[in-house]
Amino acid sequence: MSQQKIRGAFDAPVQVVSDSSESPVAVTSSSQALERLQGRWPTRDGTMYRHARHACVLANEGAIPSKIARKAFVRAAREAGILFETN
């Protein structure tokens, strides 16, 4: 039996720094990303923030591929200074 891919699932998790945790948090789907953007985001300002929210909504609806929402979320996390990058 093949596993059905969850709508909005990211191909690879996005690691973001959380103010309540010392270790990064893995965001694995557009729905998780949207939840984080709407609730636990450091600032509501920024072009990348607004773009990521919109992209995640569209990905949740199946209107765009999740990889587009993931890219938008990464850009927003970088803009907010919470993207955990190993390089």
PDB file of N, CA and C in Angstrom:
ATOM      1  N   MET A   1       0.838  -1.169   0.000  1.00  0.00           N
ATOM      2  CA  MET A   1       0.000   0.000   0.000  1.00  0.00           C
ATOM      3  C   MET A   1       0.885   1.236   0.000  1.00  0.00           C
ATOM      4  N   SER A   2       0.659   2.156  -0.914  1.00  0.00           N
ATOM      5  CA  SER A   2       1.472   3.371  -0.976  1.00  0.00           C
ATOM      6  C   SER A   2       0.912   4.421  -0.037  1.00  0.00           C
ATOM      7  N   GLN A   3       1.820   5.180   0.537  1.00  0.00           N
ATOM      8  CA  GLN A   3       1.417   6.244   1.431  1.00  0.00           C
ATOM      9  C   GLN A   3       1.049   7.469   0.616  1.00  0.00           C
ATOM     10  N   GLN A   4      -0.071   8.056   0.936  1.00  0.00           N
ATOM     11  CA  GLN A   4      -0.497   9.268   0.253  1.00  0.00           C
ATOM     12  C   GLN A   4       0.257  10.459   0.828  1.00  0.00           C
ATOM     13  N   LYS A   5       0.759  11.310  -0.033  1.00  0.00           N
ATOM     14  CA  LYS A   5       1.484  12.495   0.424  1.00  0.00           C
ATOM     15  C   LYS A   5       0.495  13.503   1.003  1.00  0.00           C
ATOM     16  N   ILE A   6       0.831  14.018   2.154  1.00  0.00           N
ATOM     17  CA  ILE A   6      -0.012  15.008   2.810  1.00  0.00           C
ATOM     18  C   ILE A   6       0.040  16.310   2.021  1.00  0.00           C
ATOM     19  N   ARG A   7      -1.114  16.888   1.796  1.00  0.00           N
ATOM     20  CA  ARG A   7      -1.170  18.152   1.058  1.00  0.00           C
ATOM     21  C   ARG A   7      -0.384  19.207   1.803  1.00  0.00           C
ATOM     22  N   GLY A   8       0.488  19.877   1.079  1.00  0.00           N
ATOM     23  CA  GLY A   8       1.277  20.944   1.661  1.00  0.00           C
ATOM     24  C   GLY A   8       2.548  20.478   2.343  1.00  0.00           C
ATOM     25  N   ALA A   9       2.838  19.165   2.311  1.00  0.00           N
ATOM     26  CA  ALA A   9       4.046  18.657   2.959  1.00  0.00           C
ATOM     27  C   ALA A   9       5.284  19.156   2.223  1.00  0.00           C
ATOM     28  N   PHE A  10       6.281  19.589   2.994  1.00  0.00           N
ATOM     29  CA  PHE A  10       7.536  20.045   2.415  1.00  0.00           C
ATOM     30  C   PHE A  10       8.415  18.843   2.097  1.00  0.00           C
ATOM     31  N   ASP A  11       9.214  18.960   1.040  1.00  0.00           N
ATOM     32  CA  ASP A  11      10.160  17.901   0.691  1.00  0.00           C
ATOM     33  C   ASP A  11      11.250  17.763   1.751  1.00  0.00           C
ATOM     34  N   ALA A  12      11.599  18.871   2.387  1.00  0.00           N
ATOM     35  CA  ALA A  12      12.594  18.876   3.462  1.00  0.00           C
ATOM     36  C   ALA A  12      12.132  19.872   4.520  1.00  0.00           C
ATOM     37  N   PRO A  13      12.341  19.545   5.787  1.00  0.00           N
ATOM     38  CA  PRO A  13      11.918  20.476   6.840  1.00  0.00           C
ATOM     39  C   PRO A  13      12.694  21.791   6.801  1.00  0.00           C
ATOM     40  N   VAL A  14      12.063  22.827   7.302  1.00  0.00           N
ATOM     41  CA  VAL A  14      12.709  24.127   7.464  1.00  0.00           C
ATOM     42  C   VAL A  14      12.936  24.302   8.960  1.00  0.00           C
ATOM     43  N   GLN A  15      14.174  24.543   9.342  1.00  0.00           N
ATOM     44  CA  GLN A  15      14.524  24.705  10.746  1.00  0.00           C
ATOM     45  C   GLN A  15      14.460  26.191  11.119  1.00  0.00           C
ATOM     46  N   VAL A  16      13.656  26.495  12.126  1.00  0.00           N
ATOM     47  CA  VAL A  16      13.563  27.866  12.608  1.00  0.00           C
ATOM     48  C   VAL A  16      13.864  27.892  14.096  1.00  0.00           C
ATOM     49  N   VAL A  17      14.386  29.009  14.547  1.00  0.00           N
ATOM     50  CA  VAL A  17      14.698  29.200  15.953  1.00  0.00           C
ATOM     51  C   VAL A  17      13.429  29.664  16.659  1.00  0.00           C
ATOM     52  N   SER A  18      13.158  29.043  17.777  1.00  0.00           N
ATOM     53  CA  SER A  18      11.984  29.405  18.568  1.00  0.00           C
ATOM     54  C   SER A  18      12.437  30.109  19.834  1.00  0.00           C
ATOM     55  N   ASP A  19      11.732  31.135  20.217  1.00  0.00           N
ATOM     56  CA  ASP A  19      12.109  31.875  21.419  1.00  0.00           C
ATOM     57  C   ASP A  19      11.943  31.045  22.688  1.00  0.00           C
ATOM     58  N   SER A  20      11.106  30.018  22.644  1.00  0.00           N
ATOM     59  CA  SER A  20      10.852  29.220  23.845  1.00  0.00           C
ATOM     60  C   SER A  20      11.713  27.959  23.916  1.00  0.00           C
ATOM     61  N   SER A  21      12.565  27.747  22.929  1.00  0.00           N
ATOM     62  CA  SER A  21      13.372  26.538  22.903  1.00  0.00           C
ATOM     63  C   SER A  21      14.793  26.870  22.485  1.00  0.00           C
ATOM     64  N   GLU A  22      15.731  26.145  23.042  1.00  0.00           N
ATOM     65  CA  GLU A  22      17.126  26.375  22.683  1.00  0.00           C
ATOM     66  C   GLU A  22      17.496  25.704  21.368  1.00  0.00           C
ATOM     67  N   SER A  23      16.762  24.660  21.011  1.00  0.00           N
ATOM     68  CA  SER A  23      17.052  23.968  19.757  1.00  0.00           C
ATOM     69  C   SER A  23      16.064  24.401  18.685  1.00  0.00           C
ATOM     70  N   PRO A  24      16.475  24.317  17.413  1.00  0.00           N
ATOM     71  CA  PRO A  24      15.578  24.729  16.331  1.00  0.00           C
ATOM     72  C   PRO A  24      14.353  23.819  16.231  1.00  0.00           C
ATOM     73  N   VAL A  25      13.304  24.363  15.665  1.00  0.00           N
ATOM     74  CA  VAL A  25      12.050  23.642  15.461  1.00  0.00           C
ATOM     75  C   VAL A  25      11.931  23.332  13.972  1.00  0.00           C
ATOM     76  N   ALA A  26      11.550  22.099  13.646  1.00  0.00           N
ATOM     77  CA  ALA A  26      11.374  21.696  12.256  1.00  0.00           C
ATOM     78  C   ALA A  26       9.939  21.970  11.810  1.00  0.00           C
ATOM     79  N   VAL A  27       9.801  22.720  10.739  1.00  0.00           N
ATOM     80  CA  VAL A  27       8.496  22.986  10.132  1.00  0.00           C
ATOM     81  C   VAL A  27       8.434  22.132   8.874  1.00  0.00           C
ATOM     82  N   THR A  28       7.440  21.239   8.786  1.00  0.00           N
ATOM     83  CA  THR A  28       7.429  20.233   7.732  1.00  0.00           C
ATOM     84  C   THR A  28       6.310  20.366   6.707  1.00  0.00           C
ATOM     85  N   SER A  29       5.462  21.368   6.854  1.00  0.00           N
ATOM     86  CA  SER A  29       4.358  21.518   5.900  1.00  0.00           C
ATOM     87  C   SER A  29       3.892  22.969   5.847  1.00  0.00           C
ATOM     88  N   SER A  30       3.122  23.256   4.816  1.00  0.00           N
ATOM     89  CA  SER A  30       2.591  24.612   4.683  1.00  0.00           C
ATOM     90  C   SER A  30       1.596  24.922   5.801  1.00  0.00           C
ATOM     91  N   SER A  31       0.891  23.923   6.301  1.00  0.00           N
ATOM     92  CA  SER A  31      -0.045  24.182   7.399  1.00  0.00           C
ATOM     93  C   SER A  31       0.710  24.506   8.685  1.00  0.00           C
ATOM     94  N   GLN A  32       1.815  23.805   8.958  1.00  0.00           N
ATOM     95  CA  GLN A  32       2.639  24.139  10.121  1.00  0.00           C
ATOM     96  C   GLN A  32       3.272  25.521   9.956  1.00  0.00           C
ATOM     97  N   ALA A  33       3.711  25.806   8.747  1.00  0.00           N
ATOM     98  CA  ALA A  33       4.321  27.108   8.480  1.00  0.00           C
ATOM     99  C   ALA A  33       3.312  28.235   8.695  1.00  0.00           C
ATOM    100  N   LEU A  34       2.096  28.040   8.202  1.00  0.00           N
ATOM    101  CA  LEU A  34       1.059  29.057   8.358  1.00  0.00           C
ATOM    102  C   LEU A  34       0.715  29.254   9.833  1.00  0.00           C
ATOM    103  N   GLU A  35       0.639  28.167  10.575  1.00  0.00           N
ATOM    104  CA  GLU A  35       0.369  28.252  12.010  1.00  0.00           C
ATOM    105  C   GLU A  35       1.455  29.075  12.717  1.00  0.00           C
ATOM    106  N   ARG A  36       2.698  28.825  12.362  1.00  0.00           N
ATOM    107  CA  ARG A  36       3.811  29.553  12.963  1.00  0.00           C
ATOM    108  C   ARG A  36       3.770  31.023  12.531  1.00  0.00           C
ATOM    109  N   LEU A  37       3.503  31.284  11.258  1.00  0.00           N
ATOM    110  CA  LEU A  37       3.444  32.665  10.760  1.00  0.00           C
ATOM    111  C   LEU A  37       2.345  33.461  11.468  1.00  0.00           C
ATOM    112  N   GLN A  38       1.230  32.804  11.737  1.00  0.00           N
ATOM    113  CA  GLN A  38       0.097  33.506  12.339  1.00  0.00           C
ATOM    114  C   GLN A  38       0.193  33.624  13.854  1.00  0.00           C
ATOM    115  N   GLY A  39       0.994  32.763  14.476  1.00  0.00           N
ATOM    116  CA  GLY A  39       1.001  32.773  15.922  1.00  0.00           C
ATOM    117  C   GLY A  39       2.324  33.098  16.580  1.00  0.00           C
ATOM    118  N   ARG A  40       3.395  32.495  16.120  1.00  0.00           N
ATOM    119  CA  ARG A  40       4.673  32.616  16.818  1.00  0.00           C
ATOM    120  C   ARG A  40       5.725  33.245  15.922  1.00  0.00           C
ATOM    121  N   TRP A  41       5.402  34.351  15.334  1.00  0.00           N
ATOM    122  CA  TRP A  41       6.329  35.024  14.422  1.00  0.00           C
ATOM    123  C   TRP A  41       6.793  36.315  15.065  1.00  0.00           C
ATOM    124  N   PRO A  42       8.077  36.636  14.973  1.00  0.00           N
ATOM    125  CA  PRO A  42       8.602  37.814  15.671  1.00  0.00           C
ATOM    126  C   PRO A  42       8.031  39.146  15.203  1.00  0.00           C
ATOM    127  N   THR A  43       7.647  39.244  13.941  1.00  0.00           N
ATOM    128  CA  THR A  43       7.125  40.514  13.425  1.00  0.00           C
ATOM    129  C   THR A  43       6.123  40.252  12.313  1.00  0.00           C
ATOM    130  N   ARG A  44       5.135  41.100  12.218  1.00  0.00           N
ATOM    131  CA  ARG A  44       4.129  40.976  11.155  1.00  0.00           C
ATOM    132  C   ARG A  44       4.454  41.911   9.986  1.00  0.00           C
ATOM    133  N   ASP A  45       5.597  42.577  10.085  1.00  0.00           N
ATOM    134  CA  ASP A  45       6.037  43.463   9.021  1.00  0.00           C
ATOM    135  C   ASP A  45       6.905  42.676   8.054  1.00  0.00           C
ATOM    136  N   GLY A  46       6.988  43.145   6.867  1.00  0.00           N
ATOM    137  CA  GLY A  46       7.900  42.547   5.904  1.00  0.00           C
ATOM    138  C   GLY A  46       7.190  41.945   4.714  1.00  0.00           C
ATOM    139  N   THR A  47       7.766  42.181   3.586  1.00  0.00           N
ATOM    140  CA  THR A  47       7.220  41.672   2.332  1.00  0.00           C
ATOM    141  C   THR A  47       7.252  40.148   2.289  1.00  0.00           C
ATOM    142  N   MET A  48       8.331  39.568   2.747  1.00  0.00           N
ATOM    143  CA  MET A  48       8.467  38.109   2.701  1.00  0.00           C
ATOM    144  C   MET A  48       7.465  37.434   3.639  1.00  0.00           C
ATOM    145  N   TYR A  49       7.186  38.057   4.770  1.00  0.00           N
ATOM    146  CA  TYR A  49       6.183  37.535   5.707  1.00  0.00           C
ATOM    147  C   TYR A  49       4.817  37.449   5.021  1.00  0.00           C
ATOM    148  N   ARG A  50       4.400  38.538   4.405  1.00  0.00           N
ATOM    149  CA  ARG A  50       3.087  38.555   3.735  1.00  0.00           C
ATOM    150  C   ARG A  50       3.042  37.566   2.584  1.00  0.00           C
ATOM    151  N   HIS A  51       4.119  37.493   1.824  1.00  0.00           N
ATOM    152  CA  HIS A  51       4.177  36.562   0.706  1.00  0.00           C
ATOM    153  C   HIS A  51       4.091  35.110   1.200  1.00  0.00           C
ATOM    154  N   ALA A  52       4.795  34.804   2.277  1.00  0.00           N
ATOM    155  CA  ALA A  52       4.791  33.441   2.822  1.00  0.00           C
ATOM    156  C   ALA A  52       3.405  33.052   3.325  1.00  0.00           C
ATOM    157  N   ARG A  53       2.738  33.964   4.016  1.00  0.00           N
ATOM    158  CA  ARG A  53       1.368  33.657   4.485  1.00  0.00           C
ATOM    159  C   ARG A  53       0.461  33.323   3.317  1.00  0.00           C
ATOM    160  N   HIS A  54       0.529  34.132   2.285  1.00  0.00           N
ATOM    161  CA  HIS A  54      -0.316  33.910   1.106  1.00  0.00           C
ATOM    162  C   HIS A  54       0.032  32.585   0.431  1.00  0.00           C
ATOM    163  N   ALA A  55       1.314  32.317   0.266  1.00  0.00           N
ATOM    164  CA  ALA A  55       1.749  31.078  -0.386  1.00  0.00           C
ATOM    165  C   ALA A  55       1.330  29.846   0.411  1.00  0.00           C
ATOM    166  N   CYS A  56       1.418  29.924   1.734  1.00  0.00           N
ATOM    167  CA  CYS A  56       1.021  28.778   2.555  1.00  0.00           C
ATOM    168  C   CYS A  56      -0.477  28.513   2.471  1.00  0.00           C
ATOM    169  N   VAL A  57      -1.273  29.562   2.431  1.00  0.00           N
ATOM    170  CA  VAL A  57      -2.720  29.394   2.263  1.00  0.00           C
ATOM    171  C   VAL A  57      -3.005  28.702   0.928  1.00  0.00           C
ATOM    172  N   LEU A  58      -2.366  29.179  -0.127  1.00  0.00           N
ATOM    173  CA  LEU A  58      -2.582  28.583  -1.453  1.00  0.00           C
ATOM    174  C   LEU A  58      -2.126  27.125  -1.503  1.00  0.00           C
ATOM    175  N   ALA A  59      -1.009  26.822  -0.867  1.00  0.00           N
ATOM    176  CA  ALA A  59      -0.519  25.438  -0.838  1.00  0.00           C
ATOM    177  C   ALA A  59      -1.472  24.544  -0.048  1.00  0.00           C
ATOM    178  N   ASN A  60      -2.012  25.043   1.048  1.00  0.00           N
ATOM    179  CA  ASN A  60      -2.979  24.274   1.830  1.00  0.00           C
ATOM    180  C   ASN A  60      -4.226  23.957   1.022  1.00  0.00           C
ATOM    181  N   GLU A  61      -4.589  24.864   0.130  1.00  0.00           N
ATOM    182  CA  GLU A  61      -5.757  24.665  -0.726  1.00  0.00           C
ATOM    183  C   GLU A  61      -5.442  23.797  -1.941  1.00  0.00           C
ATOM    184  N   GLY A  62      -4.161  23.525  -2.155  1.00  0.00           N
ATOM    185  CA  GLY A  62      -3.756  22.735  -3.312  1.00  0.00           C
ATOM    186  C   GLY A  62      -3.627  23.549  -4.586  1.00  0.00           C
ATOM    187  N   ALA A  63      -3.646  24.875  -4.445  1.00  0.00           N
ATOM    188  CA  ALA A  63      -3.597  25.749  -5.617  1.00  0.00           C
ATOM    189  C   ALA A  63      -2.180  25.939  -6.158  1.00  0.00           C
ATOM    190  N   ILE A  64      -1.179  25.775  -5.295  1.00  0.00           N
ATOM    191  CA  ILE A  64       0.215  25.867  -5.730  1.00  0.00           C
ATOM    192  C   ILE A  64       0.998  24.716  -5.092  1.00  0.00           C
ATOM    193  N   PRO A  65       2.125  24.342  -5.677  1.00  0.00           N
ATOM    194  CA  PRO A  65       2.948  23.278  -5.086  1.00  0.00           C
ATOM    195  C   PRO A  65       3.537  23.710  -3.735  1.00  0.00           C
ATOM    196  N   SER A  66       3.692  22.749  -2.846  1.00  0.00           N
ATOM    197  CA  SER A  66       4.234  23.041  -1.517  1.00  0.00           C
ATOM    198  C   SER A  66       5.666  23.553  -1.584  1.00  0.00           C
ATOM    199  N   LYS A  67       6.397  23.216  -2.654  1.00  0.00           N
ATOM    200  CA  LYS A  67       7.779  23.693  -2.743  1.00  0.00           C
ATOM    201  C   LYS A  67       7.831  25.211  -2.885  1.00  0.00           C
ATOM    202  N   ILE A  68       6.816  25.809  -3.480  1.00  0.00           N
ATOM    203  CA  ILE A  68       6.753  27.268  -3.588  1.00  0.00           C
ATOM    204  C   ILE A  68       6.493  27.879  -2.218  1.00  0.00           C
ATOM    205  N   ALA A  69       5.589  27.274  -1.461  1.00  0.00           N
ATOM    206  CA  ALA A  69       5.311  27.759  -0.103  1.00  0.00           C
ATOM    207  C   ALA A  69       6.539  27.600   0.777  1.00  0.00           C
ATOM    208  N   ARG A  70       7.268  26.506   0.613  1.00  0.00           N
ATOM    209  CA  ARG A  70       8.468  26.270   1.408  1.00  0.00           C
ATOM    210  C   ARG A  70       9.513  27.360   1.133  1.00  0.00           C
ATOM    211  N   LYS A  71       9.720  27.665  -0.144  1.00  0.00           N
ATOM    212  CA  LYS A  71      10.685  28.712  -0.502  1.00  0.00           C
ATOM    213  C   LYS A  71      10.275  30.056   0.105  1.00  0.00           C
ATOM    214  N   ALA A  72       8.982  30.360   0.042  1.00  0.00           N
ATOM    215  CA  ALA A  72       8.491  31.622   0.606  1.00  0.00           C
ATOM    216  C   ALA A  72       8.678  31.645   2.119  1.00  0.00           C
ATOM    217  N   PHE A  73       8.440  30.514   2.778  1.00  0.00           N
ATOM    218  CA  PHE A  73       8.616  30.432   4.220  1.00  0.00           C
ATOM    219  C   PHE A  73      10.081  30.607   4.612  1.00  0.00           C
ATOM    220  N   VAL A  74      10.981  30.002   3.854  1.00  0.00           N
ATOM    221  CA  VAL A  74      12.419  30.151   4.112  1.00  0.00           C
ATOM    222  C   VAL A  74      12.814  31.621   3.998  1.00  0.00           C
ATOM    223  N   ARG A  75      12.339  32.292   2.974  1.00  0.00           N
ATOM    224  CA  ARG A  75      12.671  33.713   2.789  1.00  0.00           C
ATOM    225  C   ARG A  75      12.127  34.559   3.938  1.00  0.00           C
ATOM    226  N   ALA A  76      10.911  34.237   4.383  1.00  0.00           N
ATOM    227  CA  ALA A  76      10.320  34.982   5.490  1.00  0.00           C
ATOM    228  C   ALA A  76      11.087  34.739   6.790  1.00  0.00           C
ATOM    229  N   ALA A  77      11.490  33.502   7.011  1.00  0.00           N
ATOM    230  CA  ALA A  77      12.261  33.177   8.220  1.00  0.00           C
ATOM    231  C   ALA A  77      13.614  33.879   8.193  1.00  0.00           C
ATOM    232  N   ARG A  78      14.220  33.930   7.027  1.00  0.00           N
ATOM    233  CA  ARG A  78      15.502  34.640   6.894  1.00  0.00           C
ATOM    234  C   ARG A  78      15.293  36.135   7.156  1.00  0.00           C
ATOM    235  N   GLU A  79      14.223  36.699   6.584  1.00  0.00           N
ATOM    236  CA  GLU A  79      13.904  38.112   6.779  1.00  0.00           C
ATOM    237  C   GLU A  79      13.699  38.429   8.269  1.00  0.00           C
ATOM    238  N   ALA A  80      13.066  37.509   9.001  1.00  0.00           N
ATOM    239  CA  ALA A  80      12.781  37.711  10.418  1.00  0.00           C
ATOM    240  C   ALA A  80      13.967  37.373  11.319  1.00  0.00           C
ATOM    241  N   GLY A  81      15.004  36.791  10.726  1.00  0.00           N
ATOM    242  CA  GLY A  81      16.192  36.446  11.507  1.00  0.00           C
ATOM    243  C   GLY A  81      16.036  35.193  12.358  1.00  0.00           C
ATOM    244  N   ILE A  82      15.106  34.299  11.973  1.00  0.00           N
ATOM    245  CA  ILE A  82      14.890  33.091  12.762  1.00  0.00           C
ATOM    246  C   ILE A  82      15.198  31.803  12.004  1.00  0.00           C
ATOM    247  N   LEU A  83      15.689  31.923  10.774  1.00  0.00           N
ATOM    248  CA  LEU A  83      16.052  30.721  10.013  1.00  0.00           C
ATOM    249  C   LEU A  83      17.309  30.119  10.615  1.00  0.00           C
ATOM    250  N   PHE A  84      17.272  28.844  10.916  1.00  0.00           N
ATOM    251  CA  PHE A  84      18.443  28.146  11.444  1.00  0.00           C
ATOM    252  C   PHE A  84      19.203  27.568  10.272  1.00  0.00           C
ATOM    253  N   GLU A  85      20.372  28.133  10.004  1.00  0.00           N
ATOM    254  CA  GLU A  85      21.194  27.688   8.888  1.00  0.00           C
ATOM    255  C   GLU A  85      22.496  27.121   9.452  1.00  0.00           C
ATOM    256  N   THR A  86      22.898  25.987   8.920  1.00  0.00           N
ATOM    257  CA  THR A  86      24.110  25.333   9.419  1.00  0.00           C
ATOM    258  C   THR A  86      25.372  25.860   8.771  1.00  0.00           C
ATOM    259  N   ASN A  87      25.241  26.568   7.652  1.00  0.00           N
ATOM    260  CA  ASN A  87      26.431  27.087   6.958  1.00  0.00           C
ATOM    261  C   ASN A  87      26.759  28.468   7.410  1.00  0.00           C
TER     262      ASN A  87
END
